[in-house]
């Protein structure tokens, strides 16, 4: 950025500005990757420690069942707290059928995979 501010030659200033933007993009990407890596390595370790501690107090079976129930409860709480997550849909991929899966009528046999296989031939 210092070079960008110091130069008066526009093409060079734009090049330096683009390099600064690239550096910022890389920095942000690495920051997000670092946060993901931290949660991906720490979360399982904390969960293992918690379940191990509970298994030591009770039994392995009780610890596993309790861990599963906590996961289900956490999922229900998040679904209730953030209803937009329940309504979220993946963006259609380019070249895919434009008709949304939610628009499909389960009673209509033409919407089924079997029907598609009959009309388009075997899937490879």
Foldseek 3Di string as FASTA:
>chain_A
DVVLVPDPDVVVNVVVVVVVVVVVVVVVVVVVVVVVVVCVPVVVVVLVVVLVVVCVVPNNVVSVVVVVVVVVVVVVVVCVVDVVVVVDDDDDDPPDPPDDPVPDDPVDPCSDPVVVCVVVPHDD
